[in-house]
Amino acid sequence: MQDQGLLLVNLGSPRSTAVSDVRQYLNQFLMDPHVIDLPWPLRRLLVSLILLRRPAESAEAYKLVWQPEGSPLIVISQQLRDAVRELWPHGPVELGMRYAEPSIESALLSLAEQGANSVLLAPLYPQYADSTTTTAVQEAYRIISKHNLALKLRILPAFYNDDGYIRALVASAQPALASSFDHLLLSFHGLPERHLTKLDPSKSHCLQSTDCCAQPPAEVLATCYRAQCMQTATLFAEQAGLQPEQWSVSFQSRMGRAKWIEPYTEERLNELARQGVKKLLVMSPAFVADCIETLEELAIRGREQFIAAGGEDLQLIPCLNSHPDWVSALARLCMTHRLA
């Protein structure tokens, strides 16, 4: 009996590029206490201030990358879901977004209606963070409780060092790496530093030295987003045959005045241009599907910034999207962690 469902989960996207839809999406996203971890009154005040101008600005950014079928993140994630369905023989496969539609709620209800009595929830985030993985998992449990669903849930763990994921990254980047370039920048999504330190079980390791992510204790690595990013980057560079001087790591998408993990992508772009880098490759291994953060923030604004600083060209290496090697790697990962 094929009754083990698979739920692929990603962040989400506005319904359209209309300012009202973008405002609704940003409000749901930013009011999540896992994203902005402030007491509710302060979070509500801060988000209300952000929503005065940010929706209109973000709507213009979304317009630059919107596809005829809709949001790039949603369209690509649906393509991935359809490809994984072909490789998952145990039951139905659905896609759920933590914010907006298709929701985790609609996906879980659909899986239950299709006869699933257990579900593997696969957060499509290679590196672990409360603001991505934890909030998605808690939302799934909330929905199961709300509807009294007879579903047993299992969670796919972070796969930042999985050999199949790394090999898929290398395969997807190979065409660009085979061309002439001066440097590769691995730009991961950023997080406020306090998101790391509050999860440090030792309370004495994270960000206590400049090389704290080089060899973190296992219990720290298990929940340290920055250390996991660094391990992904190192493994990728090794398998791609890159020399240390050919690549570097940065963190993008800062928001607000809090201190975020460094180095910052926008500063690194300027530094590389000043150092004489002319042809820059950029990829973002924290995202498995291209979205506004890659297509607009890096490929458009990042390129403009790099050229203005003295560079000649910035080429974005696409995310894994529905690359065959990634589809196979994800299906294998899910098979390994499914409920027996």
Protein backbone atom coordinates (compact mmCIF):
# COMPACT_ATOMS: atom_id res chain seq x y z
CA MET A 1 0.00 0.00 0.00
CA GLN A 2 1.49 3.31 -1.10
CA ASP A 3 0.66 5.53 1.86
CA GLN A 4 3.88 7.41 2.67
CA GLY A 5 3.55 10.96 1.44
CA LEU A 6 6.36 13.38 0.66
CA LEU A 7 5.99 17.09 1.33
CA LEU A 8 8.54 19.44 -0.24
CA VAL A 9 8.62 22.79 1.58
CA ASN A 10 10.07 26.12 0.54
CA LEU A 11 9.70 29.68 1.77
CA GLY A 12 7.02 31.19 -0.46
CA SER A 13 6.26 34.13 -2.68
CA PRO A 14 3.60 36.82 -3.18
CA ARG A 15 0.57 35.84 -5.23
CA SER A 16 1.37 38.55 -7.77
CA THR A 17 3.48 41.67 -8.20
CA ALA A 18 0.65 43.87 -6.96
CA VAL A 19 1.75 45.98 -3.98
CA SER A 20 -1.19 44.69 -1.92
CA ASP A 21 -0.15 41.06 -2.49
CA VAL A 22 3.47 41.81 -1.71
CA ARG A 23 2.43 43.63 1.49
CA GLN A 24 0.32 40.66 2.59
CA TYR A 25 3.17 38.25 1.94
CA LEU A 26 5.77 40.38 3.72
CA ASN A 27 3.49 40.86 6.72
CA GLN A 28 3.02 37.10 7.13
CA PHE A 29 6.72 36.44 6.62
CA LEU A 30 8.12 39.18 8.86
CA MET A 31 5.62 38.64 11.67
CA ASP A 32 6.88 35.08 12.11
CA PRO A 33 8.76 35.14 15.46
CA HIS A 34 11.35 32.78 13.97
CA VAL A 35 12.20 35.41 11.37
CA ILE A 36 12.16 38.54 13.54
CA ASP A 37 12.73 37.19 17.03
CA LEU A 38 11.47 40.17 19.01
CA PRO A 39 8.56 40.33 21.48
CA TRP A 40 5.25 40.70 19.64
CA PRO A 41 4.68 44.45 20.36
CA LEU A 42 8.16 45.36 19.14
CA ARG A 43 7.90 43.01 16.18
CA ARG A 44 4.52 44.47 15.21
CA LEU A 45 5.86 48.02 15.41
CA LEU A 46 8.97 47.20 13.40
CA VAL A 47 7.08 45.30 10.71
CA SER A 48 4.50 48.07 10.42
CA LEU A 49 7.32 50.54 9.78
CA ILE A 50 8.89 48.23 7.21
CA LEU A 51 5.56 47.86 5.43
CA LEU A 52 5.30 51.61 4.84
CA ARG A 53 7.78 51.48 1.93
CA ARG A 54 9.09 47.96 1.45
CA PRO A 55 6.05 46.46 -0.40
CA ALA A 56 6.24 49.00 -3.22
CA GLU A 57 10.00 48.57 -3.55
CA SER A 58 9.78 44.78 -3.49
CA ALA A 59 6.90 44.79 -5.99
CA GLU A 60 9.12 46.60 -8.50
CA ALA A 61 11.88 44.03 -7.91
CA TYR A 62 9.46 41.13 -8.40
CA LYS A 63 8.29 42.64 -11.69
CA LEU A 64 11.82 42.36 -13.05
CA VAL A 65 11.95 38.58 -12.57
CA TRP A 66 8.29 37.50 -12.72
CA GLN A 67 7.59 34.76 -15.24
CA PRO A 68 4.46 34.42 -17.42
CA GLU A 69 3.48 31.42 -15.27
CA GLY A 70 4.04 33.34 -12.03
CA SER A 71 6.67 33.60 -9.30
CA PRO A 72 9.99 32.00 -10.33
CA LEU A 73 10.30 30.29 -6.93
CA ILE A 74 6.84 28.74 -7.20
CA VAL A 75 7.18 27.72 -10.85
CA ILE A 76 10.60 26.12 -10.32
CA SER A 77 9.51 24.39 -7.10
CA GLN A 78 6.50 22.92 -8.91
CA GLN A 79 8.80 21.60 -11.63
CA LEU A 80 10.98 20.01 -8.96
CA ARG A 81 7.93 18.45 -7.29
CA ASP A 82 6.79 16.96 -10.60
CA ALA A 83 10.24 15.53 -11.29
CA VAL A 84 10.57 14.00 -7.80
CA ARG A 85 7.11 12.43 -8.13
CA GLU A 86 8.49 10.24 -10.90
CA LEU A 87 11.11 8.85 -8.49
CA TRP A 88 8.99 8.46 -5.32
CA PRO A 89 7.06 5.17 -5.41
CA HIS A 90 5.75 5.24 -1.84
CA GLY A 91 2.80 7.62 -2.12
CA PRO A 92 1.69 11.13 -3.09
CA VAL A 93 4.09 14.06 -3.38
CA GLU A 94 3.02 17.65 -2.71
CA LEU A 95 4.58 21.09 -2.47
CA GLY A 96 3.90 23.52 0.37
CA MET A 97 5.14 27.04 1.03
CA ARG A 98 5.63 28.34 4.55
CA TYR A 99 4.12 31.67 3.53
CA ALA A 100 1.36 32.27 0.96
CA GLU A 101 0.22 29.61 -1.53
CA PRO A 102 0.38 26.71 -2.07
CA SER A 103 0.37 26.48 1.71
CA ILE A 104 1.67 23.75 3.98
CA GLU A 105 -1.91 23.40 5.17
CA SER A 106 -3.34 22.71 1.71
CA ALA A 107 -0.49 20.29 0.97
CA LEU A 108 -0.96 18.25 4.17
CA LEU A 109 -4.73 18.10 3.67
CA SER A 110 -4.18 16.89 0.13
CA LEU A 111 -1.74 14.20 1.27
CA ALA A 112 -4.23 12.99 3.88
CA GLU A 113 -7.05 12.93 1.32
CA GLN A 114 -4.87 10.86 -0.99
CA GLY A 115 -4.49 8.20 1.69
CA ALA A 116 -1.14 9.03 3.24
CA ASN A 117 -0.82 8.03 6.90
CA SER A 118 2.79 9.18 7.24
CA VAL A 119 4.65 12.09 5.69
CA LEU A 120 8.31 12.92 5.16
CA LEU A 121 8.59 16.68 5.38
CA ALA A 122 11.55 17.80 3.26
CA PRO A 123 12.54 21.44 3.93
CA LEU A 124 14.35 22.56 0.79
CA TYR A 125 17.02 24.33 2.83
CA PRO A 126 20.46 22.67 2.71
CA GLN A 127 21.62 24.52 5.83
CA TYR A 128 19.65 24.57 9.09
CA ALA A 129 18.15 27.75 10.54
CA ASP A 130 15.23 28.49 12.85
CA SER A 131 13.92 31.04 10.34
CA THR A 132 13.58 28.40 7.63
CA THR A 133 13.51 24.80 8.89
CA THR A 134 12.12 25.20 12.41
CA THR A 135 9.23 27.44 11.43
CA ALA A 136 8.22 25.09 8.60
CA VAL A 137 8.27 22.06 10.89
CA GLN A 138 6.27 23.80 13.61
CA GLU A 139 3.72 24.95 11.06
CA ALA A 140 3.29 21.37 9.85
CA TYR A 141 2.67 20.12 13.39
CA ARG A 142 0.22 22.98 13.98
CA ILE A 143 -1.79 22.01 10.90
CA ILE A 144 -1.81 18.33 11.83
CA SER A 145 -3.13 19.25 15.29
CA LYS A 146 -5.63 21.81 13.95
CA HIS A 147 -7.27 19.30 11.60
CA ASN A 148 -6.64 16.26 13.80
CA LEU A 149 -4.89 14.53 10.90
CA ALA A 150 -3.78 10.95 11.41
CA LEU A 151 -0.35 11.65 9.97
CA LYS A 152 2.98 10.52 11.37
CA LEU A 153 5.61 13.13 10.52
CA ARG A 154 9.31 12.65 9.86
CA ILE A 155 11.71 15.48 9.01
CA LEU A 156 14.49 15.44 6.42
CA PRO A 157 17.57 16.83 8.20
CA ALA A 158 19.84 19.53 6.80
CA PHE A 159 21.87 18.17 3.90
CA TYR A 160 24.61 20.81 3.65
CA ASN A 161 27.35 18.15 3.40
CA ASP A 162 25.46 15.45 1.51
CA ASP A 163 27.60 14.08 -1.30
CA GLY A 164 24.73 14.00 -3.80
CA TYR A 165 23.81 17.62 -3.08
CA ILE A 166 27.45 18.74 -3.44
CA ARG A 167 27.90 16.78 -6.65
CA ALA A 168 24.71 18.32 -8.05
CA LEU A 169 26.04 21.79 -7.22
CA VAL A 170 29.27 21.03 -9.06
CA ALA A 171 27.44 19.59 -12.07
CA SER A 172 25.11 22.59 -12.30
CA ALA A 173 28.05 25.03 -12.07
CA GLN A 174 30.35 23.16 -14.47
CA PRO A 175 29.40 25.05 -17.66
CA ALA A 176 30.23 28.38 -15.99
CA LEU A 177 33.36 27.06 -14.30
CA ALA A 178 34.61 25.79 -17.67
CA SER A 179 34.60 29.35 -19.01
CA SER A 180 37.17 32.05 -18.34
CA PHE A 181 36.59 33.76 -14.99
CA ASP A 182 38.63 35.53 -12.32
CA HIS A 183 36.77 34.59 -9.14
CA LEU A 184 33.76 32.68 -7.82
CA LEU A 185 31.72 34.21 -5.02
CA LEU A 186 29.53 31.80 -3.03
CA SER A 187 26.82 34.08 -1.68
CA PHE A 188 24.66 32.49 1.02
CA HIS A 189 21.58 34.08 2.54
CA GLY A 190 22.46 35.98 5.69
CA LEU A 191 21.07 35.82 9.23
CA PRO A 192 21.32 38.12 12.25
CA GLU A 193 24.23 37.04 14.43
CA ARG A 194 21.90 36.49 17.39
CA HIS A 195 20.17 33.70 15.44
CA LEU A 196 23.46 31.81 15.65
CA THR A 197 24.50 32.60 19.20
CA LYS A 198 21.15 31.71 20.73
CA LEU A 199 21.39 28.20 19.22
CA ASP A 200 24.97 27.62 20.35
CA PRO A 201 24.59 24.81 22.93
CA SER A 202 27.95 25.64 24.47
CA LYS A 203 27.15 29.38 24.70
CA SER A 204 30.88 29.93 24.21
CA HIS A 205 31.79 29.01 20.62
CA CYS A 206 29.78 30.81 17.92
CA LEU A 207 31.39 34.08 16.76
CA GLN A 208 33.95 33.99 19.58
CA SER A 209 36.83 33.92 17.08
CA THR A 210 37.38 34.71 13.42
CA ASP A 211 37.78 31.01 12.57
CA CYS A 212 35.02 29.61 14.81
CA CYS A 213 33.37 27.91 11.81
CA ALA A 214 36.52 26.14 10.66
CA GLN A 215 36.27 23.14 12.99
CA PRO A 216 33.23 23.54 15.25
CA PRO A 217 32.29 20.82 17.75
CA ALA A 218 29.68 18.42 16.41
CA GLU A 219 27.00 19.70 18.78
CA VAL A 220 27.60 23.26 17.56
CA LEU A 221 27.71 22.31 13.87
CA ALA A 222 24.31 20.61 14.16
CA THR A 223 22.52 23.97 14.45
CA CYS A 224 25.09 26.52 13.25
CA TYR A 225 23.93 27.93 9.93
CA ARG A 226 27.18 29.78 9.21
CA ALA A 227 29.38 26.76 9.92
CA GLN A 228 27.19 24.59 7.69
CA CYS A 229 27.46 27.18 4.90
CA MET A 230 31.23 27.16 5.22
CA GLN A 231 31.32 23.38 5.02
CA THR A 232 29.12 23.41 1.92
CA ALA A 233 31.43 25.95 0.28
CA THR A 234 34.59 24.01 1.16
CA LEU A 235 33.21 20.70 -0.08
CA PHE A 236 31.99 22.32 -3.29
CA ALA A 237 35.37 23.94 -3.96
CA GLU A 238 37.19 20.68 -3.34
CA GLN A 239 34.98 18.68 -5.70
CA ALA A 240 35.06 21.45 -8.32
CA GLY A 241 38.85 21.50 -8.19
CA LEU A 242 39.09 25.16 -7.23
CA GLN A 243 42.17 26.67 -5.62
CA PRO A 244 41.70 28.71 -2.40
CA GLU A 245 42.39 32.01 -4.18
CA GLN A 246 39.71 31.29 -6.80
CA TRP A 247 36.70 31.49 -4.50
CA SER A 248 35.29 33.13 -1.39
CA VAL A 249 32.13 33.20 0.72
CA SER A 250 29.74 36.02 1.57
CA PHE A 251 26.24 36.53 2.99
CA GLN A 252 23.46 38.53 1.34
CA SER A 253 20.01 40.02 1.96
CA ARG A 254 20.65 42.03 5.11
CA MET A 255 17.66 43.81 6.60
CA GLY A 256 17.36 46.21 9.53
CA ARG A 257 20.05 47.54 11.84
CA ALA A 258 20.99 44.36 13.69
CA LYS A 259 24.45 42.86 13.13
CA TRP A 260 24.29 40.09 10.53
CA ILE A 261 26.83 37.39 9.82
CA GLU A 262 29.79 38.50 7.73
CA PRO A 263 31.28 39.06 5.23
CA TYR A 264 28.45 40.93 3.51
CA THR A 265 27.91 40.26 -0.19
CA GLU A 266 27.49 43.92 -1.15
CA GLU A 267 30.81 44.78 0.50
CA ARG A 268 32.54 41.76 -1.01
CA LEU A 269 31.45 42.81 -4.51
CA ASN A 270 33.18 46.16 -4.05
CA GLU A 271 36.29 44.54 -2.57
CA LEU A 272 36.66 42.08 -5.45
CA ALA A 273 36.32 44.86 -8.02
CA ARG A 274 38.96 46.92 -6.21
CA GLN A 275 41.26 43.88 -6.15
CA GLY A 276 41.15 43.71 -9.94
CA VAL A 277 38.56 40.99 -10.47
CA LYS A 278 36.92 41.65 -13.84
CA LYS A 279 34.93 38.50 -14.60
CA LEU A 280 33.03 37.34 -11.53
CA LEU A 281 30.90 34.22 -11.14
CA VAL A 282 28.30 34.22 -8.36
CA MET A 283 26.22 31.34 -7.05
CA SER A 284 24.06 30.91 -3.97
CA PRO A 285 24.09 27.34 -2.63
CA ALA A 286 21.65 28.17 0.19
CA PHE A 287 18.86 28.42 -2.40
CA VAL A 288 17.86 25.32 -4.35
CA ALA A 289 15.52 27.34 -6.61
CA ASP A 290 16.11 30.69 -8.24
CA CYS A 291 14.10 33.46 -6.66
CA ILE A 292 14.11 37.22 -6.15
CA GLU A 293 17.27 36.98 -4.01
CA THR A 294 19.23 35.40 -6.87
CA LEU A 295 17.55 36.74 -10.01
CA GLU A 296 17.13 40.35 -8.87
CA GLU A 297 19.40 40.93 -5.88
CA LEU A 298 22.45 39.18 -7.36
CA ALA A 299 21.98 39.03 -11.13
CA ILE A 300 20.62 42.57 -11.55
CA ARG A 301 21.52 44.79 -8.59
CA GLY A 302 24.67 42.87 -7.75
CA ARG A 303 25.87 43.03 -11.33
CA GLU A 304 25.21 46.76 -11.54
CA GLN A 305 27.09 47.33 -8.28
CA PHE A 306 30.06 45.20 -9.32
CA ILE A 307 30.43 46.98 -12.67
CA ALA A 308 30.06 50.40 -11.05
CA ALA A 309 32.89 49.44 -8.67
CA GLY A 310 35.21 48.62 -11.57
CA GLY A 311 34.36 45.07 -12.58
CA GLU A 312 33.47 44.12 -16.14
CA ASP A 313 30.95 41.32 -15.84
CA LEU A 314 29.05 39.33 -13.19
CA GLN A 315 27.50 36.04 -14.25
CA LEU A 316 24.95 34.33 -12.02
CA ILE A 317 25.22 30.55 -11.92
CA PRO A 318 21.62 29.28 -11.73
CA CYS A 319 20.44 27.46 -8.64
CA LEU A 320 19.92 23.71 -8.73
CA ASN A 321 16.29 24.22 -9.82
CA SER A 322 15.24 20.96 -11.53
CA HIS A 323 18.70 19.88 -12.66
CA PRO A 324 18.61 16.08 -13.17
CA ASP A 325 21.47 15.49 -10.72
CA TRP A 326 19.64 17.48 -8.05
CA VAL A 327 16.35 15.67 -8.66
CA SER A 328 18.14 12.34 -8.24
CA ALA A 329 20.03 13.53 -5.15
CA LEU A 330 16.89 14.85 -3.47
CA ALA A 331 14.92 11.68 -4.23
CA ARG A 332 17.74 9.57 -2.81
CA LEU A 333 17.91 11.73 0.33
CA CYS A 334 14.18 11.36 0.86
CA MET A 335 14.32 7.60 0.30
CA THR A 336 17.05 7.33 2.93
CA HIS A 337 15.07 9.21 5.57
CA ARG A 338 11.55 8.02 4.90
CA LEU A 339 9.61 6.16 7.54
CA ALA A 340 10.17 2.42 7.45
